Protein backbone atom coordinates (compact mmCIF):
# COMPACT_ATOMS: atom_id res chain seq x y z
CA MET A 1 0.00 0.00 0.00
CA ARG A 2 1.04 3.56 -0.58
CA ILE A 3 1.04 6.11 2.24
CA GLU A 4 0.05 9.77 2.21
CA ILE A 5 0.50 11.99 5.25
CA LEU A 6 -2.11 14.74 5.18
CA ASP A 7 -1.33 18.33 6.21
CA THR A 8 -3.10 18.03 9.57
CA ALA A 9 -0.97 15.01 10.47
CA GLN A 10 2.19 16.83 9.32
CA ARG A 11 1.33 19.67 11.71
CA ASP A 12 0.82 17.14 14.52
CA LEU A 13 4.29 15.70 13.84
CA VAL A 14 5.86 19.18 13.89
CA GLU A 15 4.16 19.97 17.21
CA GLY A 16 5.41 16.69 18.67
CA PHE A 17 8.92 17.41 17.38
CA ARG A 18 8.92 20.86 19.01
CA PHE A 19 7.65 19.49 22.32
CA TYR A 20 10.29 16.77 22.54
CA GLU A 21 13.09 19.00 21.29
CA GLU A 22 12.33 21.34 24.22
CA GLN A 23 12.73 18.36 26.56
CA GLY A 24 16.21 17.60 25.26
CA VAL A 25 18.33 18.39 22.22
CA GLY A 26 18.01 15.59 19.67
CA LEU A 27 14.93 14.06 21.28
CA GLY A 28 12.69 15.74 18.69
CA SER A 29 14.63 14.09 15.86
CA TYR A 30 14.35 10.72 17.62
CA PHE A 31 10.60 11.31 17.94
CA LEU A 32 10.25 11.94 14.19
CA THR A 33 12.43 8.97 13.27
CA SER A 34 10.36 6.68 15.48
CA LEU A 35 7.01 7.95 14.25
CA TYR A 36 8.02 7.80 10.59
CA SER A 37 9.14 4.21 11.15
CA ASP A 38 5.74 3.39 12.64
CA ILE A 39 4.01 5.11 9.71
CA GLU A 40 6.15 3.26 7.18
CA SER A 41 5.03 -0.07 8.70
CA LEU A 42 1.52 0.72 7.47
CA SER A 43 2.60 -0.07 3.90
CA VAL A 44 2.58 -3.71 5.03
CA TYR A 45 0.27 -3.76 8.07
CA GLY A 46 -2.31 -1.10 7.16
CA GLY A 47 -5.83 -2.12 8.14
CA ILE A 48 -5.04 -4.63 10.89
CA HIS A 49 -5.35 -2.16 13.78
CA ASN A 50 -8.33 -1.24 15.98
CA ASN A 51 -10.77 1.33 14.72
CA PRO A 52 -12.05 2.89 17.96
CA TYR A 53 -13.31 6.13 16.38
CA LYS A 54 -15.77 5.91 13.51
CA HIS A 55 -13.88 4.71 10.44
CA TYR A 56 -10.36 5.59 11.67
CA TYR A 57 -7.79 2.90 12.36
CA ARG A 58 -5.38 3.56 15.23
CA LEU A 59 -1.72 2.52 15.31
CA LEU A 60 -0.01 3.08 18.66
CA SER A 61 3.58 4.25 18.47
CA ARG A 62 6.15 1.82 19.83
CA ARG A 63 8.33 4.42 21.57
CA PHE A 64 6.18 7.46 22.36
CA PRO A 65 2.68 7.93 23.81
CA PHE A 66 1.24 8.86 20.42
CA ALA A 67 -1.40 7.30 18.20
CA ILE A 68 -1.47 7.45 14.42
CA PHE A 69 -5.01 7.68 13.08
CA TYR A 70 -5.48 6.64 9.48
CA THR A 71 -8.03 5.61 6.90
CA ILE A 72 -7.72 3.32 3.90
CA GLN A 73 -9.16 3.89 0.43
CA GLU A 74 -8.37 1.28 -2.19
CA ASP A 75 -4.57 0.79 -1.99
CA MET A 76 -3.82 4.09 -0.18
CA VAL A 77 -3.29 4.71 3.53
CA PHE A 78 -4.13 8.28 4.51
CA ILE A 79 -2.55 9.46 7.76
CA ARG A 80 -5.19 11.80 9.20
CA ALA A 81 -3.77 12.67 12.63
CA VAL A 82 -0.86 11.90 14.96
CA LEU A 83 -2.13 12.61 18.46
CA ASP A 84 -0.75 12.48 21.99
CA CYS A 85 -2.54 9.70 23.89
CA ARG A 86 -2.16 11.65 27.13
CA ARG A 87 -4.86 14.05 25.95
CA SER A 88 -8.47 13.46 26.97
CA PRO A 89 -10.49 11.05 24.82
CA ALA A 90 -13.01 13.83 24.17
CA TRP A 91 -10.25 16.07 22.78
CA ILE A 92 -9.00 13.25 20.56
CA ARG A 93 -12.50 12.56 19.22
CA GLY A 94 -12.90 16.29 18.55
CA ARG A 95 -9.76 16.28 16.40
CA LEU A 96 -11.05 13.48 14.19
CA PRO A 97 -13.65 14.85 11.75
């Protein structure tokens, strides 16, 4: 499957990068490397994850408390949001259209 990261998800990744880079120099880069690795795994494993919110699948990051929300259309995986799991469930649901 092919993967497309939508603008909203790109902004989520940038926000996560900034947060972790403030915690320690280089941690933001490690965050992005880890999340992009998780996203890349969807080319093989897309569609096998839970879908707790409407039609969104949710992949939990292996290293950080983040969830990758995505949808599938034909042979494309669309990354819709990359959200911090420490946020309230109501906030997360509000971010998913």
